[in-house]
Amino acid sequence: MFILFRIFDIAKPYPVSYYDKNFKNSFGVIMDDVCAGLYVVAVFVLYMVITS
């Protein structure tokens, strides 16, 4: 799970990159991580739906 989070945090898909580029303060750093975490949750929910 942490590896998947790091992949999304490094790759920076749309909302992650938006917060990273437009907010150069602590809010941008936190929202960058929150969005990457939400991507991980979405992937796991999708995985659980597909496998069940």
PDB file of N, CA and C in Angstrom:
ATOM      1  N   MET A   1       0.831  -1.185   0.000  1.00  0.00           N
ATOM      2  CA  MET A   1       0.000   0.000   0.000  1.00  0.00           C
ATOM      3  C   MET A   1       0.877   1.252   0.000  1.00  0.00           C
ATOM      4  N   PHE A   2       1.933   1.244   0.782  1.00  0.00           N
ATOM      5  CA  PHE A   2       2.828   2.402   0.818  1.00  0.00           C
ATOM      6  C   PHE A   2       3.528   2.597  -0.524  1.00  0.00           C
ATOM      7  N   ILE A   3       3.876   1.487  -1.162  1.00  0.00           N
ATOM      8  CA  ILE A   3       4.545   1.588  -2.466  1.00  0.00           C
ATOM      9  C   ILE A   3       3.608   2.215  -3.486  1.00  0.00           C
ATOM     10  N   LEU A   4       2.345   1.832  -3.454  1.00  0.00           N
ATOM     11  CA  LEU A   4       1.361   2.422  -4.366  1.00  0.00           C
ATOM     12  C   LEU A   4       1.191   3.908  -4.084  1.00  0.00           C
ATOM     13  N   PHE A   5       1.201   4.285  -2.807  1.00  0.00           N
ATOM     14  CA  PHE A   5       1.125   5.702  -2.444  1.00  0.00           C
ATOM     15  C   PHE A   5       2.328   6.464  -2.996  1.00  0.00           C
ATOM     16  N   ARG A   6       3.506   5.899  -2.858  1.00  0.00           N
ATOM     17  CA  ARG A   6       4.710   6.573  -3.363  1.00  0.00           C
ATOM     18  C   ARG A   6       4.670   6.716  -4.878  1.00  0.00           C
ATOM     19  N   ILE A   7       4.125   5.709  -5.559  1.00  0.00           N
ATOM     20  CA  ILE A   7       4.010   5.794  -7.020  1.00  0.00           C
ATOM     21  C   ILE A   7       3.118   6.963  -7.412  1.00  0.00           C
ATOM     22  N   PHE A   8       1.961   7.093  -6.766  1.00  0.00           N
ATOM     23  CA  PHE A   8       1.063   8.204  -7.075  1.00  0.00           C
ATOM     24  C   PHE A   8       1.657   9.538  -6.636  1.00  0.00           C
ATOM     25  N   ASP A   9       2.412   9.537  -5.566  1.00  0.00           N
ATOM     26  CA  ASP A   9       3.018  10.773  -5.082  1.00  0.00           C
ATOM     27  C   ASP A   9       4.138  11.246  -6.005  1.00  0.00           C
ATOM     28  N   ILE A  10       4.858  10.323  -6.594  1.00  0.00           N
ATOM     29  CA  ILE A  10       5.948  10.679  -7.502  1.00  0.00           C
ATOM     30  C   ILE A  10       5.410  10.980  -8.902  1.00  0.00           C
ATOM     31  N   ALA A  11       4.466  10.162  -9.387  1.00  0.00           N
ATOM     32  CA  ALA A  11       3.928  10.346 -10.741  1.00  0.00           C
ATOM     33  C   ALA A  11       3.080  11.613 -10.844  1.00  0.00           C
ATOM     34  N   LYS A  12       2.412  11.990  -9.770  1.00  0.00           N
ATOM     35  CA  LYS A  12       1.590  13.187  -9.676  1.00  0.00           C
ATOM     36  C   LYS A  12       0.537  13.300 -10.776  1.00  0.00           C
ATOM     37  N   PRO A  13      -0.486  12.410 -10.756  1.00  0.00           N
ATOM     38  CA  PRO A  13      -1.602  12.586 -11.684  1.00  0.00           C
ATOM     39  C   PRO A  13      -2.371  13.871 -11.367  1.00  0.00           C
ATOM     40  N   TYR A  14      -3.418  14.203 -12.140  1.00  0.00           N
ATOM     41  CA  TYR A  14      -4.009  15.541 -12.152  1.00  0.00           C
ATOM     42  C   TYR A  14      -4.203  16.251 -10.807  1.00  0.00           C
ATOM     43  N   PRO A  15      -5.041  15.816  -9.900  1.00  0.00           N
ATOM     44  CA  PRO A  15      -5.230  16.683  -8.722  1.00  0.00           C
ATOM     45  C   PRO A  15      -3.964  16.820  -7.881  1.00  0.00           C
ATOM     46  N   VAL A  16      -3.153  15.790  -7.872  1.00  0.00           N
ATOM     47  CA  VAL A  16      -1.921  15.846  -7.084  1.00  0.00           C
ATOM     48  C   VAL A  16      -0.996  16.923  -7.648  1.00  0.00           C
ATOM     49  N   SER A  17      -0.844  16.965  -8.943  1.00  0.00           N
ATOM     50  CA  SER A  17       0.036  17.960  -9.568  1.00  0.00           C
ATOM     51  C   SER A  17      -0.526  19.371  -9.434  1.00  0.00           C
ATOM     52  N   TYR A  18      -1.844  19.508  -9.445  1.00  0.00           N
ATOM     53  CA  TYR A  18      -2.458  20.834  -9.300  1.00  0.00           C
ATOM     54  C   TYR A  18      -2.081  21.458  -7.960  1.00  0.00           C
ATOM     55  N   TYR A  19      -2.261  20.703  -6.889  1.00  0.00           N
ATOM     56  CA  TYR A  19      -1.935  21.235  -5.565  1.00  0.00           C
ATOM     57  C   TYR A  19      -0.435  21.444  -5.401  1.00  0.00           C
ATOM     58  N   ASP A  20       0.358  20.569  -6.013  1.00  0.00           N
ATOM     59  CA  ASP A  20       1.806  20.691  -5.899  1.00  0.00           C
ATOM     60  C   ASP A  20       2.314  21.948  -6.613  1.00  0.00           C
ATOM     61  N   LYS A  21       1.735  22.291  -7.749  1.00  0.00           N
ATOM     62  CA  LYS A  21       2.208  23.431  -8.533  1.00  0.00           C
ATOM     63  C   LYS A  21       1.644  24.772  -8.057  1.00  0.00           C
ATOM     64  N   ASN A  22       0.392  24.783  -7.613  1.00  0.00           N
ATOM     65  CA  ASN A  22      -0.282  26.054  -7.331  1.00  0.00           C
ATOM     66  C   ASN A  22      -0.188  26.525  -5.891  1.00  0.00           C
ATOM     67  N   PHE A  23       0.142  25.646  -4.971  1.00  0.00           N
ATOM     68  CA  PHE A  23       0.243  26.028  -3.561  1.00  0.00           C
ATOM     69  C   PHE A  23       1.647  25.686  -3.086  1.00  0.00           C
ATOM     70  N   LYS A  24       2.461  26.692  -2.876  1.00  0.00           N
ATOM     71  CA  LYS A  24       3.848  26.468  -2.469  1.00  0.00           C
ATOM     72  C   LYS A  24       4.022  26.618  -0.956  1.00  0.00           C
ATOM     73  N   ASN A  25       3.012  26.206  -0.208  1.00  0.00           N
ATOM     74  CA  ASN A  25       3.092  26.281   1.248  1.00  0.00           C
ATOM     75  C   ASN A  25       2.716  24.920   1.829  1.00  0.00           C
ATOM     76  N   SER A  26       2.477  24.865   3.116  1.00  0.00           N
ATOM     77  CA  SER A  26       2.168  23.584   3.757  1.00  0.00           C
ATOM     78  C   SER A  26       0.838  23.009   3.272  1.00  0.00           C
ATOM     79  N   PHE A  27      -0.104  23.870   2.890  1.00  0.00           N
ATOM     80  CA  PHE A  27      -1.383  23.375   2.363  1.00  0.00           C
ATOM     81  C   PHE A  27      -1.163  22.542   1.100  1.00  0.00           C
ATOM     82  N   GLY A  28      -0.301  23.012   0.212  1.00  0.00           N
ATOM     83  CA  GLY A  28      -0.014  22.266  -1.013  1.00  0.00           C
ATOM     84  C   GLY A  28       0.646  20.931  -0.742  1.00  0.00           C
ATOM     85  N   VAL A  29       1.536  20.899   0.217  1.00  0.00           N
ATOM     86  CA  VAL A  29       2.220  19.643   0.561  1.00  0.00           C
ATOM     87  C   VAL A  29       1.226  18.640   1.141  1.00  0.00           C
ATOM     88  N   ILE A  30       0.372  19.091   2.032  1.00  0.00           N
ATOM     89  CA  ILE A  30      -0.596  18.195   2.666  1.00  0.00           C
ATOM     90  C   ILE A  30      -1.632  17.705   1.656  1.00  0.00           C
ATOM     91  N   MET A  31      -2.164  18.612   0.832  1.00  0.00           N
ATOM     92  CA  MET A  31      -3.174  18.219  -0.144  1.00  0.00           C
ATOM     93  C   MET A  31      -2.584  17.313  -1.219  1.00  0.00           C
ATOM     94  N   ASP A  32      -1.329  17.490  -1.545  1.00  0.00           N
ATOM     95  CA  ASP A  32      -0.622  16.601  -2.462  1.00  0.00           C
ATOM     96  C   ASP A  32      -0.680  15.173  -1.914  1.00  0.00           C
ATOM     97  N   ASP A  33      -0.356  15.008  -0.642  1.00  0.00           N
ATOM     98  CA  ASP A  33      -0.367  13.683  -0.016  1.00  0.00           C
ATOM     99  C   ASP A  33      -1.782  13.139   0.140  1.00  0.00           C
ATOM    100  N   VAL A  34      -2.729  13.992   0.470  1.00  0.00           N
ATOM    101  CA  VAL A  34      -4.124  13.547   0.624  1.00  0.00           C
ATOM    102  C   VAL A  34      -4.661  13.024  -0.705  1.00  0.00           C
ATOM    103  N   CYS A  35      -4.415  13.737  -1.782  1.00  0.00           N
ATOM    104  CA  CYS A  35      -4.891  13.301  -3.100  1.00  0.00           C
ATOM    105  C   CYS A  35      -4.229  11.994  -3.523  1.00  0.00           C
ATOM    106  N   ALA A  36      -2.947  11.852  -3.270  1.00  0.00           N
ATOM    107  CA  ALA A  36      -2.263  10.594  -3.586  1.00  0.00           C
ATOM    108  C   ALA A  36      -2.845   9.454  -2.759  1.00  0.00           C
ATOM    109  N   GLY A  37      -3.171   9.719  -1.505  1.00  0.00           N
ATOM    110  CA  GLY A  37      -3.800   8.715  -0.657  1.00  0.00           C
ATOM    111  C   GLY A  37      -5.186   8.337  -1.141  1.00  0.00           C
ATOM    112  N   LEU A  38      -5.935   9.305  -1.637  1.00  0.00           N
ATOM    113  CA  LEU A  38      -7.270   9.016  -2.177  1.00  0.00           C
ATOM    114  C   LEU A  38      -7.183   8.145  -3.433  1.00  0.00           C
ATOM    115  N   TYR A  39      -6.150   8.342  -4.224  1.00  0.00           N
ATOM    116  CA  TYR A  39      -5.937   7.460  -5.372  1.00  0.00           C
ATOM    117  C   TYR A  39      -5.690   6.028  -4.911  1.00  0.00           C
ATOM    118  N   VAL A  40      -4.912   5.851  -3.863  1.00  0.00           N
ATOM    119  CA  VAL A  40      -4.646   4.508  -3.337  1.00  0.00           C
ATOM    120  C   VAL A  40      -5.942   3.869  -2.851  1.00  0.00           C
ATOM    121  N   VAL A  41      -6.761   4.623  -2.137  1.00  0.00           N
ATOM    122  CA  VAL A  41      -8.046   4.103  -1.660  1.00  0.00           C
ATOM    123  C   VAL A  41      -8.923   3.704  -2.838  1.00  0.00           C
ATOM    124  N   ALA A  42      -8.961   4.540  -3.873  1.00  0.00           N
ATOM    125  CA  ALA A  42      -9.773   4.230  -5.052  1.00  0.00           C
ATOM    126  C   ALA A  42      -9.292   2.954  -5.736  1.00  0.00           C
ATOM    127  N   VAL A  43      -7.984   2.761  -5.816  1.00  0.00           N
ATOM    128  CA  VAL A  43      -7.449   1.549  -6.438  1.00  0.00           C
ATOM    129  C   VAL A  43      -7.817   0.317  -5.619  1.00  0.00           C
ATOM    130  N   PHE A  44      -7.717   0.413  -4.298  1.00  0.00           N
ATOM    131  CA  PHE A  44      -8.073  -0.729  -3.462  1.00  0.00           C
ATOM    132  C   PHE A  44      -9.566  -1.029  -3.491  1.00  0.00           C
ATOM    133  N   VAL A  45     -10.394  -0.028  -3.525  1.00  0.00           N
ATOM    134  CA  VAL A  45     -11.852  -0.265  -3.631  1.00  0.00           C
ATOM    135  C   VAL A  45     -12.172  -0.922  -4.966  1.00  0.00           C
ATOM    136  N   LEU A  46     -11.570  -0.421  -6.034  1.00  0.00           N
ATOM    137  CA  LEU A  46     -11.778  -1.008  -7.351  1.00  0.00           C
ATOM    138  C   LEU A  46     -11.298  -2.460  -7.375  1.00  0.00           C
ATOM    139  N   TYR A  47     -10.167  -2.732  -6.758  1.00  0.00           N
ATOM    140  CA  TYR A  47      -9.647  -4.096  -6.672  1.00  0.00           C
ATOM    141  C   TYR A  47     -10.611  -5.003  -5.915  1.00  0.00           C
ATOM    142  N   MET A  48     -11.149  -4.510  -4.794  1.00  0.00           N
ATOM    143  CA  MET A  48     -12.079  -5.320  -4.003  1.00  0.00           C
ATOM    144  C   MET A  48     -13.369  -5.588  -4.759  1.00  0.00           C
ATOM    145  N   VAL A  49     -13.854  -4.622  -5.519  1.00  0.00           N
ATOM    146  CA  VAL A  49     -15.075  -4.811  -6.302  1.00  0.00           C
ATOM    147  C   VAL A  49     -14.851  -5.820  -7.409  1.00  0.00           C
ATOM    148  N   ILE A  50     -13.713  -5.730  -8.058  1.00  0.00           N
ATOM    149  CA  ILE A  50     -13.423  -6.647  -9.170  1.00  0.00           C
ATOM    150  C   ILE A  50     -13.230  -8.069  -8.678  1.00  0.00           C
ATOM    151  N   THR A  51     -12.559  -8.245  -7.559  1.00  0.00           N
ATOM    152  CA  THR A  51     -12.254  -9.604  -7.087  1.00  0.00           C
ATOM    153  C   THR A  51     -13.401 -10.259  -6.331  1.00  0.00           C
ATOM    154  N   SER A  52     -14.398  -9.495  -5.952  1.00  0.00           N
ATOM    155  CA  SER A  52     -15.500 -10.139  -5.190  1.00  0.00           C
ATOM    156  C   SER A  52     -16.660 -10.530  -6.065  1.00  0.00           C
TER     157      SER A  52
END
